[in-house]
Amino acid sequence: MTNCQIGVFAAYVSAKGHAFVDRTLYLPKNWATDPARLASAHVPEGTPFATKATLAVEMIGRRWR
């Protein structure tokens, strides 16, 4: 059983520098369907499974608001 958390990050990059502007937790599908694992990792209740690509698109959408 793997016990790690993975993040998806968004960064702003320009000629003057770079900075992380957003991040979110990625849960593998087998984690998202395992209530005991979610509870032991203190994952907020109701956190759904989403692919990394979906999470990235959501972060991009937040930057445009």
PDB file of N, CA and C in Angstrom:
ATOM      1  N   MET A   1       0.847  -1.173   0.000  1.00  0.00           N
ATOM      2  CA  MET A   1       0.000   0.000   0.000  1.00  0.00           C
ATOM      3  C   MET A   1       0.894   1.238   0.000  1.00  0.00           C
ATOM      4  N   THR A   2       0.664   2.116  -0.956  1.00  0.00           N
ATOM      5  CA  THR A   2       1.418   3.355  -1.042  1.00  0.00           C
ATOM      6  C   THR A   2       0.785   4.380  -0.115  1.00  0.00           C
ATOM      7  N   ASN A   3       1.600   5.134   0.589  1.00  0.00           N
ATOM      8  CA  ASN A   3       1.082   6.139   1.510  1.00  0.00           C
ATOM      9  C   ASN A   3       1.769   7.463   1.219  1.00  0.00           C
ATOM     10  N   CYS A   4       1.296   8.146   0.184  1.00  0.00           N
ATOM     11  CA  CYS A   4       1.868   9.443  -0.134  1.00  0.00           C
ATOM     12  C   CYS A   4       0.786  10.342  -0.700  1.00  0.00           C
ATOM     13  N   GLN A   5       1.041  11.612  -0.673  1.00  0.00           N
ATOM     14  CA  GLN A   5       0.133  12.584  -1.251  1.00  0.00           C
ATOM     15  C   GLN A   5       0.862  13.288  -2.382  1.00  0.00           C
ATOM     16  N   ILE A   6       0.106  13.613  -3.422  1.00  0.00           N
ATOM     17  CA  ILE A   6       0.682  14.248  -4.599  1.00  0.00           C
ATOM     18  C   ILE A   6      -0.033  15.572  -4.809  1.00  0.00           C
ATOM     19  N   GLY A   7       0.703  16.588  -5.148  1.00  0.00           N
ATOM     20  CA  GLY A   7       0.107  17.887  -5.424  1.00  0.00           C
ATOM     21  C   GLY A   7       0.189  18.223  -6.894  1.00  0.00           C
ATOM     22  N   VAL A   8      -0.749  19.029  -7.345  1.00  0.00           N
ATOM     23  CA  VAL A   8      -0.720  19.612  -8.681  1.00  0.00           C
ATOM     24  C   VAL A   8      -0.491  21.096  -8.456  1.00  0.00           C
ATOM     25  N   PHE A   9       0.496  21.667  -9.135  1.00  0.00           N
ATOM     26  CA  PHE A   9       0.891  23.048  -8.900  1.00  0.00           C
ATOM     27  C   PHE A   9       0.787  23.881 -10.165  1.00  0.00           C
ATOM     28  N   ALA A  10       0.459  25.158  -9.990  1.00  0.00           N
ATOM     29  CA  ALA A  10       0.461  26.122 -11.097  1.00  0.00           C
ATOM     30  C   ALA A  10       1.461  27.212 -10.747  1.00  0.00           C
ATOM     31  N   ALA A  11       2.221  27.617 -11.740  1.00  0.00           N
ATOM     32  CA  ALA A  11       3.237  28.646 -11.513  1.00  0.00           C
ATOM     33  C   ALA A  11       3.122  29.722 -12.583  1.00  0.00           C
ATOM     34  N   TYR A  12       3.441  30.956 -12.182  1.00  0.00           N
ATOM     35  CA  TYR A  12       3.533  32.083 -13.115  1.00  0.00           C
ATOM     36  C   TYR A  12       5.016  32.265 -13.418  1.00  0.00           C
ATOM     37  N   VAL A  13       5.339  32.382 -14.696  1.00  0.00           N
ATOM     38  CA  VAL A  13       6.733  32.540 -15.096  1.00  0.00           C
ATOM     39  C   VAL A  13       6.842  33.702 -16.076  1.00  0.00           C
ATOM     40  N   SER A  14       7.807  34.583 -15.833  1.00  0.00           N
ATOM     41  CA  SER A  14       8.081  35.682 -16.756  1.00  0.00           C
ATOM     42  C   SER A  14       9.591  35.888 -16.813  1.00  0.00           C
ATOM     43  N   ALA A  15      10.009  36.842 -17.614  1.00  0.00           N
ATOM     44  CA  ALA A  15      11.435  37.144 -17.712  1.00  0.00           C
ATOM     45  C   ALA A  15      11.991  37.679 -16.390  1.00  0.00           C
ATOM     46  N   LYS A  16      11.113  38.191 -15.520  1.00  0.00           N
ATOM     47  CA  LYS A  16      11.558  38.768 -14.244  1.00  0.00           C
ATOM     48  C   LYS A  16      11.550  37.771 -13.087  1.00  0.00           C
ATOM     49  N   GLY A  17      11.037  36.573 -13.327  1.00  0.00           N
ATOM     50  CA  GLY A  17      11.026  35.590 -12.251  1.00  0.00           C
ATOM     51  C   GLY A  17       9.860  34.641 -12.359  1.00  0.00           C
ATOM     52  N   HIS A  18       9.628  33.911 -11.276  1.00  0.00           N
ATOM     53  CA  HIS A  18       8.547  32.946 -11.254  1.00  0.00           C
ATOM     54  C   HIS A  18       8.002  32.826  -9.837  1.00  0.00           C
ATOM     55  N   ALA A  19       6.759  32.326  -9.739  1.00  0.00           N
ATOM     56  CA  ALA A  19       6.137  32.130  -8.435  1.00  0.00           C
ATOM     57  C   ALA A  19       5.034  31.087  -8.550  1.00  0.00           C
ATOM     58  N   PHE A  20       4.892  30.267  -7.532  1.00  0.00           N
ATOM     59  CA  PHE A  20       3.753  29.366  -7.481  1.00  0.00           C
ATOM     60  C   PHE A  20       2.517  30.187  -7.172  1.00  0.00           C
ATOM     61  N   VAL A  21       1.444  29.975  -7.928  1.00  0.00           N
ATOM     62  CA  VAL A  21       0.235  30.777  -7.743  1.00  0.00           C
ATOM     63  C   VAL A  21      -0.963  29.957  -7.285  1.00  0.00           C
ATOM     64  N   ASP A  22      -0.875  28.631  -7.360  1.00  0.00           N
ATOM     65  CA  ASP A  22      -1.986  27.788  -6.915  1.00  0.00           C
ATOM     66  C   ASP A  22      -1.469  26.373  -6.713  1.00  0.00           C
ATOM     67  N   ARG A  23      -2.173  25.630  -5.904  1.00  0.00           N
ATOM     68  CA  ARG A  23      -1.843  24.222  -5.687  1.00  0.00           C
ATOM     69  C   ARG A  23      -3.100  23.524  -5.196  1.00  0.00           C
ATOM     70  N   THR A  24      -3.145  22.215  -5.439  1.00  0.00           N
ATOM     71  CA  THR A  24      -4.262  21.413  -4.964  1.00  0.00           C
ATOM     72  C   THR A  24      -3.791  19.986  -4.754  1.00  0.00           C
ATOM     73  N   LEU A  25      -4.490  19.286  -3.906  1.00  0.00           N
ATOM     74  CA  LEU A  25      -4.152  17.905  -3.585  1.00  0.00           C
ATOM     75  C   LEU A  25      -4.731  16.968  -4.632  1.00  0.00           C
ATOM     76  N   TYR A  26      -3.922  16.060  -5.146  1.00  0.00           N
ATOM     77  CA  TYR A  26      -4.387  15.022  -6.058  1.00  0.00           C
ATOM     78  C   TYR A  26      -4.523  13.731  -5.263  1.00  0.00           C
ATOM     79  N   LEU A  27      -5.691  13.121  -5.358  1.00  0.00           N
ATOM     80  CA  LEU A  27      -5.917  11.831  -4.716  1.00  0.00           C
ATOM     81  C   LEU A  27      -6.047  10.754  -5.776  1.00  0.00           C
ATOM     82  N   PRO A  28      -5.238   9.703  -5.727  1.00  0.00           N
ATOM     83  CA  PRO A  28      -5.437   8.591  -6.652  1.00  0.00           C
ATOM     84  C   PRO A  28      -6.836   8.004  -6.457  1.00  0.00           C
ATOM     85  N   LYS A  29      -7.374   7.395  -7.491  1.00  0.00           N
ATOM     86  CA  LYS A  29      -8.743   6.873  -7.445  1.00  0.00           C
ATOM     87  C   LYS A  29      -8.932   5.891  -6.292  1.00  0.00           C
ATOM     88  N   ASN A  30      -7.948   5.038  -6.025  1.00  0.00           N
ATOM     89  CA  ASN A  30      -8.114   4.074  -4.931  1.00  0.00           C
ATOM     90  C   ASN A  30      -8.135   4.756  -3.564  1.00  0.00           C
ATOM     91  N   TRP A  31      -7.554   5.942  -3.442  1.00  0.00           N
ATOM     92  CA  TRP A  31      -7.663   6.708  -2.199  1.00  0.00           C
ATOM     93  C   TRP A  31      -9.056   7.310  -2.058  1.00  0.00           C
ATOM     94  N   ALA A  32      -9.555   7.884  -3.136  1.00  0.00           N
ATOM     95  CA  ALA A  32     -10.827   8.614  -3.095  1.00  0.00           C
ATOM     96  C   ALA A  32     -11.993   7.701  -2.738  1.00  0.00           C
ATOM     97  N   THR A  33     -11.816   6.407  -2.909  1.00  0.00           N
ATOM     98  CA  THR A  33     -12.901   5.471  -2.603  1.00  0.00           C
ATOM     99  C   THR A  33     -12.626   4.666  -1.334  1.00  0.00           C
ATOM    100  N   ASP A  34     -11.668   5.091  -0.530  1.00  0.00           N
ATOM    101  CA  ASP A  34     -11.298   4.381   0.696  1.00  0.00           C
ATOM    102  C   ASP A  34     -11.485   5.304   1.905  1.00  0.00           C
ATOM    103  N   PRO A  35     -12.677   5.287   2.524  1.00  0.00           N
ATOM    104  CA  PRO A  35     -12.958   6.208   3.639  1.00  0.00           C
ATOM    105  C   PRO A  35     -11.958   6.119   4.787  1.00  0.00           C
ATOM    106  N   ALA A  36     -11.478   4.940   5.096  1.00  0.00           N
ATOM    107  CA  ALA A  36     -10.524   4.792   6.202  1.00  0.00           C
ATOM    108  C   ALA A  36      -9.211   5.501   5.879  1.00  0.00           C
ATOM    109  N   ARG A  37      -8.745   5.350   4.663  1.00  0.00           N
ATOM    110  CA  ARG A  37      -7.500   6.002   4.254  1.00  0.00           C
ATOM    111  C   ARG A  37      -7.668   7.516   4.251  1.00  0.00           C
ATOM    112  N   LEU A  38      -8.800   7.995   3.744  1.00  0.00           N
ATOM    113  CA  LEU A  38      -9.053   9.438   3.718  1.00  0.00           C
ATOM    114  C   LEU A  38      -9.052  10.006   5.137  1.00  0.00           C
ATOM    115  N   ALA A  39      -9.711   9.290   6.044  1.00  0.00           N
ATOM    116  CA  ALA A  39      -9.782   9.757   7.432  1.00  0.00           C
ATOM    117  C   ALA A  39      -8.399   9.762   8.077  1.00  0.00           C
ATOM    118  N   SER A  40      -7.613   8.716   7.848  1.00  0.00           N
ATOM    119  CA  SER A  40      -6.289   8.651   8.483  1.00  0.00           C
ATOM    120  C   SER A  40      -5.341   9.708   7.925  1.00  0.00           C
ATOM    121  N   ALA A  41      -5.564  10.157   6.686  1.00  0.00           N
ATOM    122  CA  ALA A  41      -4.728  11.198   6.086  1.00  0.00           C
ATOM    123  C   ALA A  41      -5.304  12.597   6.298  1.00  0.00           C
ATOM    124  N   HIS A  42      -6.433  12.690   6.999  1.00  0.00           N
ATOM    125  CA  HIS A  42      -7.086  13.970   7.298  1.00  0.00           C
ATOM    126  C   HIS A  42      -7.478  14.728   6.027  1.00  0.00           C
ATOM    127  N   VAL A  43      -7.910  13.983   5.011  1.00  0.00           N
ATOM    128  CA  VAL A  43      -8.397  14.609   3.780  1.00  0.00           C
ATOM    129  C   VAL A  43      -9.777  15.174   4.071  1.00  0.00           C
ATOM    130  N   PRO A  44     -10.045  16.430   3.714  1.00  0.00           N
ATOM    131  CA  PRO A  44     -11.355  17.021   3.991  1.00  0.00           C
ATOM    132  C   PRO A  44     -12.489  16.185   3.403  1.00  0.00           C
ATOM    133  N   GLU A  45     -13.535  16.025   4.197  1.00  0.00           N
ATOM    134  CA  GLU A  45     -14.695  15.246   3.770  1.00  0.00           C
ATOM    135  C   GLU A  45     -15.283  15.834   2.488  1.00  0.00           C
ATOM    136  N   GLY A  46     -15.687  14.962   1.594  1.00  0.00           N
ATOM    137  CA  GLY A  46     -16.290  15.408   0.346  1.00  0.00           C
ATOM    138  C   GLY A  46     -15.305  15.694  -0.760  1.00  0.00           C
ATOM    139  N   THR A  47     -14.004  15.459  -0.517  1.00  0.00           N
ATOM    140  CA  THR A  47     -13.007  15.678  -1.555  1.00  0.00           C
ATOM    141  C   THR A  47     -13.151  14.573  -2.595  1.00  0.00           C
ATOM    142  N   PRO A  48     -13.517  14.908  -3.833  1.00  0.00           N
ATOM    143  CA  PRO A  48     -13.771  13.880  -4.843  1.00  0.00           C
ATOM    144  C   PRO A  48     -12.503  13.493  -5.602  1.00  0.00           C
ATOM    145  N   PHE A  49     -12.591  12.393  -6.326  1.00  0.00           N
ATOM    146  CA  PHE A  49     -11.515  12.025  -7.233  1.00  0.00           C
ATOM    147  C   PHE A  49     -11.588  12.938  -8.452  1.00  0.00           C
ATOM    148  N   ALA A  50     -10.461  13.412  -8.906  1.00  0.00           N
ATOM    149  CA  ALA A  50     -10.356  14.180 -10.149  1.00  0.00           C
ATOM    150  C   ALA A  50      -8.989  13.891 -10.742  1.00  0.00           C
ATOM    151  N   THR A  51      -8.931  13.793 -12.055  1.00  0.00           N
ATOM    152  CA  THR A  51      -7.637  13.558 -12.702  1.00  0.00           C
ATOM    153  C   THR A  51      -6.745  14.789 -12.532  1.00  0.00           C
ATOM    154  N   LYS A  52      -5.460  14.601 -12.729  1.00  0.00           N
ATOM    155  CA  LYS A  52      -4.533  15.728 -12.632  1.00  0.00           C
ATOM    156  C   LYS A  52      -4.861  16.784 -13.691  1.00  0.00           C
ATOM    157  N   ALA A  53      -5.255  16.343 -14.872  1.00  0.00           N
ATOM    158  CA  ALA A  53      -5.615  17.291 -15.930  1.00  0.00           C
ATOM    159  C   ALA A  53      -6.841  18.115 -15.539  1.00  0.00           C
ATOM    160  N   THR A  54      -7.833  17.479 -14.934  1.00  0.00           N
ATOM    161  CA  THR A  54      -9.023  18.198 -14.479  1.00  0.00           C
ATOM    162  C   THR A  54      -8.654  19.229 -13.418  1.00  0.00           C
ATOM    163  N   LEU A  55      -7.794  18.837 -12.483  1.00  0.00           N
ATOM    164  CA  LEU A  55      -7.365  19.767 -11.439  1.00  0.00           C
ATOM    165  C   LEU A  55      -6.613  20.954 -12.042  1.00  0.00           C
ATOM    166  N   ALA A  56      -5.782  20.692 -13.046  1.00  0.00           N
ATOM    167  CA  ALA A  56      -5.035  21.772 -13.701  1.00  0.00           C
ATOM    168  C   ALA A  56      -5.988  22.744 -14.400  1.00  0.00           C
ATOM    169  N   VAL A  57      -6.983  22.225 -15.085  1.00  0.00           N
ATOM    170  CA  VAL A  57      -7.962  23.088 -15.764  1.00  0.00           C
ATOM    171  C   VAL A  57      -8.724  23.931 -14.738  1.00  0.00           C
ATOM    172  N   GLU A  58      -9.079  23.348 -13.600  1.00  0.00           N
ATOM    173  CA  GLU A  58      -9.764  24.112 -12.543  1.00  0.00           C
ATOM    174  C   GLU A  58      -8.868  25.236 -12.019  1.00  0.00           C
ATOM    175  N   MET A  59      -7.584  24.958 -11.838  1.00  0.00           N
ATOM    176  CA  MET A  59      -6.660  25.995 -11.360  1.00  0.00           C
ATOM    177  C   MET A  59      -6.528  27.119 -12.383  1.00  0.00           C
ATOM    178  N   ILE A  60      -6.442  26.775 -13.652  1.00  0.00           N
ATOM    179  CA  ILE A  60      -6.369  27.802 -14.698  1.00  0.00           C
ATOM    180  C   ILE A  60      -7.627  28.659 -14.669  1.00  0.00           C
ATOM    181  N   GLY A  61      -8.776  28.022 -14.493  1.00  0.00           N
ATOM    182  CA  GLY A  61     -10.032  28.769 -14.405  1.00  0.00           C
ATOM    183  C   GLY A  61     -10.053  29.742 -13.234  1.00  0.00           C
ATOM    184  N   ARG A  62      -9.482  29.331 -12.110  1.00  0.00           N
ATOM    185  CA  ARG A  62      -9.428  30.245 -10.955  1.00  0.00           C
ATOM    186  C   ARG A  62      -8.549  31.458 -11.224  1.00  0.00           C
ATOM    187  N   ARG A  63      -7.527  31.308 -12.032  1.00  0.00           N
ATOM    188  CA  ARG A  63      -6.638  32.439 -12.353  1.00  0.00           C
ATOM    189  C   ARG A  63      -7.333  33.466 -13.220  1.00  0.00           C
ATOM    190  N   TRP A  64      -8.322  33.058 -14.004  1.00  0.00           N
ATOM    191  CA  TRP A  64      -8.997  33.959 -14.930  1.00  0.00           C
ATOM    192  C   TRP A  64     -10.177  34.677 -14.304  1.00  0.00           C
ATOM    193  N   ARG A  65     -10.511  34.416 -13.065  1.00  0.00           N
ATOM    194  CA  ARG A  65     -11.663  35.087 -12.407  1.00  0.00           C
ATOM    195  C   ARG A  65     -11.281  36.455 -11.951  1.00  0.00           C
TER     196      ARG A  65
END
